[in-house]
């Protein structure tokens, strides 16, 4: 596979992870939609009888901070959809590692198991996108060195 094809595959992975992020985080981008989603997650926790602490009720200040997160991550996803560059994918992969760590820590501290599928998906994208970035960068470096000699 030539370097342009490898770049095309990598940018598709970066764009796909961004589309996933946009789908998942856009509902958190306003206090109204975030409140509704968090209420549904609380009901789901109860309905399924999941282990861990039930998600709490959020007051307006909590929803403000949740909406900041939702807005920033949605904008970051939009940037990666618009320009799915390997460098953006690499930065996002580091963010996925951090998000995964925070979710694992919350589970360790006894929070709701609603986080488990979120953690599995986050780790899945971490490995898929991180693997694509490493694959591209390894091949990109070999191509660059071959051109230099």
N, C-alpha and C. Protein backbone atom coordinates (compact mmCIF):
# COMPACT_ATOMS: atom_id res chain seq x y z
N UNK A 1 0.85 -1.18 0.00
CA UNK A 1 0.00 0.00 0.00
C UNK A 1 0.90 1.24 0.00
N UNK A 2 0.60 2.17 -0.87
CA UNK A 2 1.45 3.35 -0.95
C UNK A 2 1.10 4.35 0.16
N UNK A 3 1.99 5.31 0.44
CA UNK A 3 1.75 6.26 1.54
C UNK A 3 0.44 7.03 1.43
N UNK A 4 0.01 7.38 0.21
CA UNK A 4 -1.25 8.11 0.06
C UNK A 4 -2.44 7.25 0.47
N UNK A 5 -2.41 5.97 0.13
CA UNK A 5 -3.48 5.07 0.54
C UNK A 5 -3.50 4.88 2.05
N UNK A 6 -2.33 4.79 2.66
CA UNK A 6 -2.23 4.66 4.12
C UNK A 6 -2.79 5.92 4.81
N UNK A 7 -2.47 7.07 4.24
CA UNK A 7 -3.01 8.31 4.79
C UNK A 7 -4.53 8.34 4.66
N UNK A 8 -5.04 7.88 3.53
CA UNK A 8 -6.49 7.86 3.31
C UNK A 8 -7.19 6.95 4.33
N UNK A 9 -6.60 5.78 4.59
CA UNK A 9 -7.18 4.86 5.59
C UNK A 9 -7.14 5.51 6.97
N UNK A 10 -6.02 6.10 7.32
CA UNK A 10 -5.89 6.73 8.64
C UNK A 10 -6.87 7.88 8.81
N UNK A 11 -7.03 8.71 7.79
CA UNK A 11 -7.97 9.82 7.91
C UNK A 11 -9.40 9.32 8.01
N UNK A 12 -9.71 8.21 7.38
CA UNK A 12 -11.06 7.63 7.54
C UNK A 12 -11.31 7.20 8.97
N UNK A 13 -10.30 6.60 9.59
CA UNK A 13 -10.43 6.18 10.99
C UNK A 13 -10.60 7.40 11.88
N UNK A 14 -9.80 8.43 11.67
CA UNK A 14 -9.90 9.66 12.47
C UNK A 14 -11.29 10.27 12.30
N UNK A 15 -11.79 10.32 11.06
CA UNK A 15 -13.12 10.89 10.81
C UNK A 15 -14.21 10.03 11.47
N UNK A 16 -14.09 8.71 11.38
CA UNK A 16 -15.10 7.83 11.99
C UNK A 16 -15.13 8.00 13.50
N UNK A 17 -13.97 8.13 14.13
CA UNK A 17 -13.96 8.33 15.58
C UNK A 17 -14.57 9.68 15.94
N UNK A 18 -14.35 10.68 15.09
CA UNK A 18 -14.94 12.00 15.32
C UNK A 18 -16.46 11.95 15.18
N UNK A 19 -16.95 11.20 14.19
CA UNK A 19 -18.41 11.06 14.03
C UNK A 19 -19.02 10.37 15.24
N UNK A 20 -18.35 9.35 15.75
CA UNK A 20 -18.81 8.69 16.98
C UNK A 20 -18.85 9.70 18.12
N UNK A 21 -17.78 10.47 18.29
CA UNK A 21 -17.74 11.46 19.37
C UNK A 21 -18.86 12.49 19.24
N UNK A 22 -19.10 12.95 18.03
CA UNK A 22 -20.16 13.94 17.82
C UNK A 22 -21.51 13.35 18.20
N UNK A 23 -21.77 12.13 17.78
CA UNK A 23 -23.03 11.46 18.10
C UNK A 23 -23.22 11.31 19.61
N UNK A 24 -22.14 10.94 20.30
CA UNK A 24 -22.22 10.67 21.74
C UNK A 24 -22.25 11.95 22.57
N UNK A 25 -21.51 12.98 22.16
CA UNK A 25 -21.38 14.16 23.02
C UNK A 25 -22.30 15.31 22.68
N UNK A 26 -22.85 15.34 21.48
CA UNK A 26 -23.73 16.45 21.12
C UNK A 26 -24.91 16.60 22.09
N UNK A 27 -25.51 15.51 22.58
CA UNK A 27 -26.59 15.69 23.55
C UNK A 27 -26.16 16.36 24.86
N UNK A 28 -24.86 16.36 25.15
CA UNK A 28 -24.36 17.02 26.35
C UNK A 28 -24.06 18.50 26.13
N UNK A 29 -24.25 18.99 24.91
CA UNK A 29 -23.80 20.35 24.56
C UNK A 29 -24.72 21.47 25.06
N UNK A 30 -25.91 21.16 25.50
CA UNK A 30 -26.77 22.19 26.10
C UNK A 30 -27.25 21.70 27.46
N UNK A 31 -27.53 22.60 28.38
CA UNK A 31 -28.03 22.18 29.69
C UNK A 31 -29.35 21.41 29.59
N UNK A 32 -30.18 21.74 28.61
CA UNK A 32 -31.49 21.10 28.49
C UNK A 32 -31.35 19.66 28.01
N UNK A 33 -30.57 19.47 26.96
CA UNK A 33 -30.41 18.11 26.45
C UNK A 33 -29.55 17.26 27.40
N UNK A 34 -28.56 17.87 28.02
CA UNK A 34 -27.74 17.13 28.98
C UNK A 34 -28.59 16.67 30.16
N UNK A 35 -29.45 17.55 30.65
CA UNK A 35 -30.34 17.18 31.76
C UNK A 35 -31.25 16.03 31.40
N UNK A 36 -31.82 16.08 30.20
CA UNK A 36 -32.69 14.99 29.75
C UNK A 36 -31.92 13.67 29.63
N UNK A 37 -30.75 13.73 29.03
CA UNK A 37 -29.95 12.52 28.86
C UNK A 37 -29.53 11.95 30.21
N UNK A 38 -29.09 12.79 31.12
CA UNK A 38 -28.68 12.31 32.43
C UNK A 38 -29.87 11.72 33.20
N UNK A 39 -31.06 12.29 33.04
CA UNK A 39 -32.27 11.71 33.65
C UNK A 39 -32.54 10.32 33.08
N UNK A 40 -32.40 10.17 31.76
CA UNK A 40 -32.61 8.86 31.13
C UNK A 40 -31.56 7.85 31.59
N UNK A 41 -30.33 8.28 31.74
CA UNK A 41 -29.30 7.37 32.23
C UNK A 41 -29.57 6.95 33.67
N UNK A 42 -30.07 7.86 34.48
CA UNK A 42 -30.44 7.53 35.86
C UNK A 42 -31.56 6.50 35.87
N UNK A 43 -32.58 6.71 35.02
CA UNK A 43 -33.70 5.76 34.92
C UNK A 43 -33.22 4.40 34.42
N UNK A 44 -32.30 4.40 33.46
CA UNK A 44 -31.76 3.16 32.93
C UNK A 44 -31.01 2.39 34.02
N UNK A 45 -30.24 3.09 34.82
CA UNK A 45 -29.51 2.48 35.93
C UNK A 45 -30.49 1.75 36.85
N UNK A 46 -31.59 2.42 37.20
CA UNK A 46 -32.59 1.83 38.10
C UNK A 46 -33.30 0.66 37.41
N UNK A 47 -33.74 0.86 36.18
CA UNK A 47 -34.49 -0.16 35.43
C UNK A 47 -33.68 -1.45 35.27
N UNK A 48 -32.39 -1.31 34.98
CA UNK A 48 -31.54 -2.49 34.79
C UNK A 48 -31.00 -3.04 36.10
N UNK A 49 -31.20 -2.31 37.19
CA UNK A 49 -30.68 -2.75 38.49
C UNK A 49 -29.17 -2.87 38.50
N UNK A 50 -28.51 -1.92 37.90
CA UNK A 50 -27.05 -1.98 37.77
C UNK A 50 -26.35 -1.77 39.10
N UNK A 51 -25.19 -2.39 39.25
CA UNK A 51 -24.40 -2.10 40.45
C UNK A 51 -23.78 -0.71 40.36
N UNK A 52 -23.29 -0.26 41.48
CA UNK A 52 -22.67 1.06 41.54
C UNK A 52 -23.67 2.10 41.96
N UNK A 53 -23.16 3.27 42.29
CA UNK A 53 -23.99 4.37 42.76
C UNK A 53 -24.89 4.87 41.63
N UNK A 54 -26.13 5.17 41.96
CA UNK A 54 -27.05 5.74 40.98
C UNK A 54 -26.55 7.13 40.60
N UNK A 55 -26.61 7.47 39.30
CA UNK A 55 -26.22 8.83 38.92
C UNK A 55 -27.04 9.87 39.67
N UNK A 56 -26.40 10.92 40.17
CA UNK A 56 -27.10 11.91 40.98
C UNK A 56 -27.94 12.86 40.12
N UNK A 57 -28.84 13.57 40.80
CA UNK A 57 -29.52 14.69 40.16
C UNK A 57 -28.51 15.81 39.98
N UNK A 58 -28.57 16.49 38.85
CA UNK A 58 -27.65 17.58 38.59
C UNK A 58 -28.38 18.90 38.74
N UNK A 59 -27.74 19.84 39.44
CA UNK A 59 -28.32 21.18 39.54
C UNK A 59 -27.80 22.03 38.38
N UNK A 60 -28.29 23.25 38.23
CA UNK A 60 -27.88 24.08 37.08
C UNK A 60 -26.36 24.28 36.95
N UNK A 61 -25.64 24.40 38.05
CA UNK A 61 -24.20 24.58 37.96
C UNK A 61 -23.52 23.33 37.40
N UNK A 62 -23.97 22.14 37.85
CA UNK A 62 -23.43 20.90 37.29
C UNK A 62 -23.70 20.82 35.78
N UNK A 63 -24.92 21.16 35.40
CA UNK A 63 -25.28 21.10 33.97
C UNK A 63 -24.49 22.11 33.15
N UNK A 64 -24.14 23.23 33.75
CA UNK A 64 -23.28 24.20 33.08
C UNK A 64 -21.94 23.57 32.72
N UNK A 65 -21.31 22.89 33.68
CA UNK A 65 -20.01 22.27 33.43
C UNK A 65 -20.12 21.09 32.47
N UNK A 66 -21.18 20.31 32.59
CA UNK A 66 -21.41 19.21 31.65
C UNK A 66 -21.56 19.77 30.24
N UNK A 67 -22.28 20.88 30.10
CA UNK A 67 -22.48 21.49 28.78
C UNK A 67 -21.19 22.07 28.21
N UNK A 68 -20.33 22.59 29.06
CA UNK A 68 -19.02 23.03 28.58
C UNK A 68 -18.27 21.85 27.95
N UNK A 69 -18.25 20.74 28.67
CA UNK A 69 -17.62 19.53 28.15
C UNK A 69 -18.25 19.11 26.82
N UNK A 70 -19.58 19.06 26.79
CA UNK A 70 -20.27 18.64 25.58
C UNK A 70 -20.01 19.56 24.40
N UNK A 71 -19.95 20.86 24.66
CA UNK A 71 -19.70 21.83 23.60
C UNK A 71 -18.28 21.69 23.06
N UNK A 72 -17.31 21.62 23.95
CA UNK A 72 -15.91 21.54 23.51
C UNK A 72 -15.64 20.23 22.77
N UNK A 73 -16.13 19.12 23.29
CA UNK A 73 -15.87 17.85 22.62
C UNK A 73 -16.61 17.80 21.28
N UNK A 74 -17.80 18.36 21.19
CA UNK A 74 -18.53 18.41 19.92
C UNK A 74 -17.78 19.26 18.89
N UNK A 75 -17.24 20.40 19.34
CA UNK A 75 -16.45 21.24 18.43
C UNK A 75 -15.17 20.52 18.00
N UNK A 76 -14.52 19.85 18.92
CA UNK A 76 -13.32 19.08 18.60
C UNK A 76 -13.66 17.98 17.58
N UNK A 77 -14.80 17.34 17.75
CA UNK A 77 -15.23 16.32 16.79
C UNK A 77 -15.47 16.95 15.42
N UNK A 78 -16.11 18.11 15.39
CA UNK A 78 -16.38 18.79 14.12
C UNK A 78 -15.09 19.14 13.40
N UNK A 79 -14.09 19.57 14.13
CA UNK A 79 -12.79 19.88 13.52
C UNK A 79 -12.19 18.62 12.88
N UNK A 80 -12.28 17.50 13.59
CA UNK A 80 -11.70 16.25 13.05
C UNK A 80 -12.52 15.68 11.90
N UNK A 81 -13.80 16.00 11.85
CA UNK A 81 -14.61 15.60 10.68
C UNK A 81 -14.19 16.45 9.49
N UNK A 82 -14.03 17.73 9.71
CA UNK A 82 -13.65 18.66 8.66
C UNK A 82 -12.24 18.40 8.16
N UNK A 83 -11.30 18.20 9.11
CA UNK A 83 -9.89 17.98 8.76
C UNK A 83 -9.34 16.80 9.56
N UNK A 84 -9.58 15.59 9.07
CA UNK A 84 -9.17 14.38 9.82
C UNK A 84 -7.68 14.07 9.68
N UNK A 85 -6.87 14.98 10.15
CA UNK A 85 -5.42 14.85 10.02
C UNK A 85 -4.86 13.89 11.06
N UNK A 86 -3.80 13.15 10.71
CA UNK A 86 -3.20 12.23 11.67
C UNK A 86 -2.78 12.90 12.98
N UNK A 87 -2.29 14.12 12.93
CA UNK A 87 -1.89 14.81 14.17
C UNK A 87 -3.09 15.02 15.09
N UNK A 88 -4.24 15.37 14.51
CA UNK A 88 -5.46 15.52 15.32
C UNK A 88 -5.88 14.18 15.90
N UNK A 89 -5.75 13.13 15.08
CA UNK A 89 -6.08 11.79 15.56
C UNK A 89 -5.16 11.37 16.69
N UNK A 90 -3.88 11.72 16.60
CA UNK A 90 -2.93 11.38 17.66
C UNK A 90 -3.30 12.11 18.96
N UNK A 91 -3.61 13.39 18.85
CA UNK A 91 -4.02 14.14 20.05
C UNK A 91 -5.30 13.56 20.64
N UNK A 92 -6.23 13.19 19.78
CA UNK A 92 -7.48 12.61 20.26
C UNK A 92 -7.24 11.27 20.95
N UNK A 93 -6.30 10.50 20.44
CA UNK A 93 -5.99 9.20 21.04
C UNK A 93 -5.46 9.39 22.46
N UNK A 94 -4.65 10.40 22.67
CA UNK A 94 -4.17 10.71 24.03
C UNK A 94 -5.35 11.08 24.92
N UNK A 95 -6.27 11.88 24.38
CA UNK A 95 -7.48 12.24 25.14
C UNK A 95 -8.31 11.03 25.49
N UNK A 96 -8.42 10.08 24.56
CA UNK A 96 -9.17 8.85 24.84
C UNK A 96 -8.53 8.05 25.97
N UNK A 97 -7.21 8.04 26.02
CA UNK A 97 -6.53 7.36 27.12
C UNK A 97 -6.90 8.01 28.45
N UNK A 98 -6.89 9.35 28.48
CA UNK A 98 -7.24 10.08 29.70
C UNK A 98 -8.70 9.82 30.08
N UNK A 99 -9.62 9.92 29.11
CA UNK A 99 -11.04 9.68 29.40
C UNK A 99 -11.24 8.27 29.92
N UNK A 100 -10.55 7.30 29.33
CA UNK A 100 -10.67 5.91 29.78
C UNK A 100 -10.17 5.76 31.21
N UNK A 101 -9.09 6.42 31.52
CA UNK A 101 -8.56 6.38 32.88
C UNK A 101 -9.56 6.96 33.87
N UNK A 102 -10.18 8.09 33.52
CA UNK A 102 -11.15 8.71 34.43
C UNK A 102 -12.39 7.83 34.60
N UNK A 103 -12.83 7.18 33.52
CA UNK A 103 -13.98 6.28 33.64
C UNK A 103 -13.64 5.08 34.52
N UNK A 104 -12.45 4.50 34.31
CA UNK A 104 -12.03 3.36 35.13
C UNK A 104 -11.92 3.76 36.60
N UNK A 105 -11.41 4.96 36.85
CA UNK A 105 -11.30 5.44 38.22
C UNK A 105 -12.69 5.61 38.84
N UNK A 106 -13.63 6.14 38.08
CA UNK A 106 -15.00 6.31 38.60
C UNK A 106 -15.62 4.95 38.92
N UNK A 107 -15.40 3.97 38.04
CA UNK A 107 -15.91 2.62 38.32
C UNK A 107 -15.24 2.05 39.57
N UNK A 108 -13.95 2.24 39.69
CA UNK A 108 -13.21 1.76 40.86
C UNK A 108 -13.77 2.38 42.14
N UNK A 109 -14.23 3.64 42.04
CA UNK A 109 -14.77 4.34 43.21
C UNK A 109 -16.24 4.02 43.45
N UNK A 110 -16.81 3.08 42.67
CA UNK A 110 -18.17 2.60 42.93
C UNK A 110 -19.27 3.29 42.17
N UNK A 111 -18.95 3.97 41.08
CA UNK A 111 -20.00 4.64 40.31
C UNK A 111 -20.76 3.64 39.43
N UNK A 112 -21.83 4.10 38.83
CA UNK A 112 -22.73 3.25 38.06
C UNK A 112 -22.03 2.48 36.94
N UNK A 113 -22.50 1.27 36.72
CA UNK A 113 -21.96 0.43 35.65
C UNK A 113 -22.46 0.87 34.27
N UNK A 114 -23.24 1.93 34.21
CA UNK A 114 -23.56 2.53 32.90
C UNK A 114 -22.27 2.96 32.21
N UNK A 115 -21.24 3.21 33.00
CA UNK A 115 -19.94 3.60 32.45
C UNK A 115 -19.23 2.46 31.72
N UNK A 116 -19.58 1.22 31.99
CA UNK A 116 -18.85 0.09 31.39
C UNK A 116 -18.92 0.10 29.86
N UNK A 117 -20.11 0.18 29.23
CA UNK A 117 -20.11 0.22 27.76
C UNK A 117 -19.42 1.46 27.21
N UNK A 118 -19.52 2.57 27.93
CA UNK A 118 -18.82 3.79 27.50
C UNK A 118 -17.31 3.57 27.53
N UNK A 119 -16.82 2.92 28.58
CA UNK A 119 -15.40 2.64 28.71
C UNK A 119 -14.94 1.66 27.62
N UNK A 120 -15.74 0.64 27.35
CA UNK A 120 -15.38 -0.32 26.30
C UNK A 120 -15.28 0.37 24.94
N UNK A 121 -16.24 1.23 24.62
CA UNK A 121 -16.19 1.95 23.35
C UNK A 121 -15.01 2.92 23.29
N UNK A 122 -14.75 3.60 24.39
CA UNK A 122 -13.63 4.54 24.43
C UNK A 122 -12.30 3.80 24.22
N UNK A 123 -12.14 2.67 24.90
CA UNK A 123 -10.92 1.87 24.70
C UNK A 123 -10.85 1.30 23.30
N UNK A 124 -12.00 0.90 22.75
CA UNK A 124 -12.01 0.41 21.38
C UNK A 124 -11.52 1.45 20.41
N UNK A 125 -12.02 2.68 20.52
CA UNK A 125 -11.56 3.76 19.64
C UNK A 125 -10.11 4.12 19.92
N UNK A 126 -9.69 4.02 21.18
CA UNK A 126 -8.29 4.27 21.51
C UNK A 126 -7.38 3.31 20.72
N UNK A 127 -7.72 2.03 20.74
CA UNK A 127 -6.88 1.06 20.05
C UNK A 127 -7.00 1.14 18.53
N UNK A 128 -8.20 1.33 18.02
CA UNK A 128 -8.37 1.42 16.57
C UNK A 128 -7.67 2.67 16.02
N UNK A 129 -7.97 3.81 16.61
CA UNK A 129 -7.38 5.06 16.12
C UNK A 129 -5.89 5.11 16.42
N UNK A 130 -5.51 4.72 17.62
CA UNK A 130 -4.09 4.72 17.96
C UNK A 130 -3.30 3.78 17.06
N UNK A 131 -3.88 2.61 16.76
CA UNK A 131 -3.22 1.68 15.86
C UNK A 131 -3.08 2.26 14.46
N UNK A 132 -4.12 2.93 13.98
CA UNK A 132 -4.05 3.54 12.65
C UNK A 132 -3.00 4.64 12.60
N UNK A 133 -2.92 5.43 13.66
CA UNK A 133 -1.93 6.51 13.71
C UNK A 133 -0.52 5.92 13.74
N UNK A 134 -0.30 4.90 14.57
CA UNK A 134 1.03 4.28 14.62
C UNK A 134 1.40 3.64 13.29
N UNK A 135 0.45 2.96 12.67
CA UNK A 135 0.66 2.32 11.38
C UNK A 135 1.04 3.36 10.33
N UNK A 136 0.27 4.46 10.29
CA UNK A 136 0.56 5.52 9.33
C UNK A 136 1.91 6.16 9.61
N UNK A 137 2.19 6.49 10.87
CA UNK A 137 3.43 7.19 11.19
C UNK A 137 4.64 6.31 10.91
N UNK A 138 4.53 5.03 11.17
CA UNK A 138 5.63 4.10 10.88
C UNK A 138 5.89 4.05 9.38
N UNK A 139 4.84 3.90 8.60
CA UNK A 139 4.98 3.83 7.15
C UNK A 139 5.39 5.20 6.58
N UNK A 140 4.85 6.26 7.17
CA UNK A 140 5.17 7.61 6.71
C UNK A 140 6.67 7.89 6.92
N UNK A 141 7.20 7.50 8.05
CA UNK A 141 8.61 7.71 8.35
C UNK A 141 9.49 6.93 7.40
N UNK A 142 9.12 5.67 7.10
CA UNK A 142 9.90 4.87 6.15
C UNK A 142 9.89 5.50 4.76
N UNK A 143 8.74 6.01 4.35
CA UNK A 143 8.65 6.65 3.03
C UNK A 143 9.50 7.91 2.99
N UNK A 144 9.46 8.68 4.07
CA UNK A 144 10.24 9.92 4.14
C UNK A 144 11.74 9.60 4.09
N UNK A 145 12.16 8.57 4.80
CA UNK A 145 13.57 8.19 4.79
C UNK A 145 14.00 7.67 3.42
N UNK A 146 13.11 6.93 2.76
CA UNK A 146 13.43 6.40 1.43
C UNK A 146 13.61 7.54 0.44
N UNK A 147 12.80 8.58 0.54
CA UNK A 147 12.92 9.73 -0.36
C UNK A 147 14.20 10.51 -0.10
N UNK A 148 14.67 10.51 1.14
CA UNK A 148 15.86 11.28 1.50
C UNK A 148 17.15 10.60 1.01
N UNK A 149 17.07 9.30 0.77
CA UNK A 149 18.30 8.60 0.33
C UNK A 149 18.37 8.43 -1.15
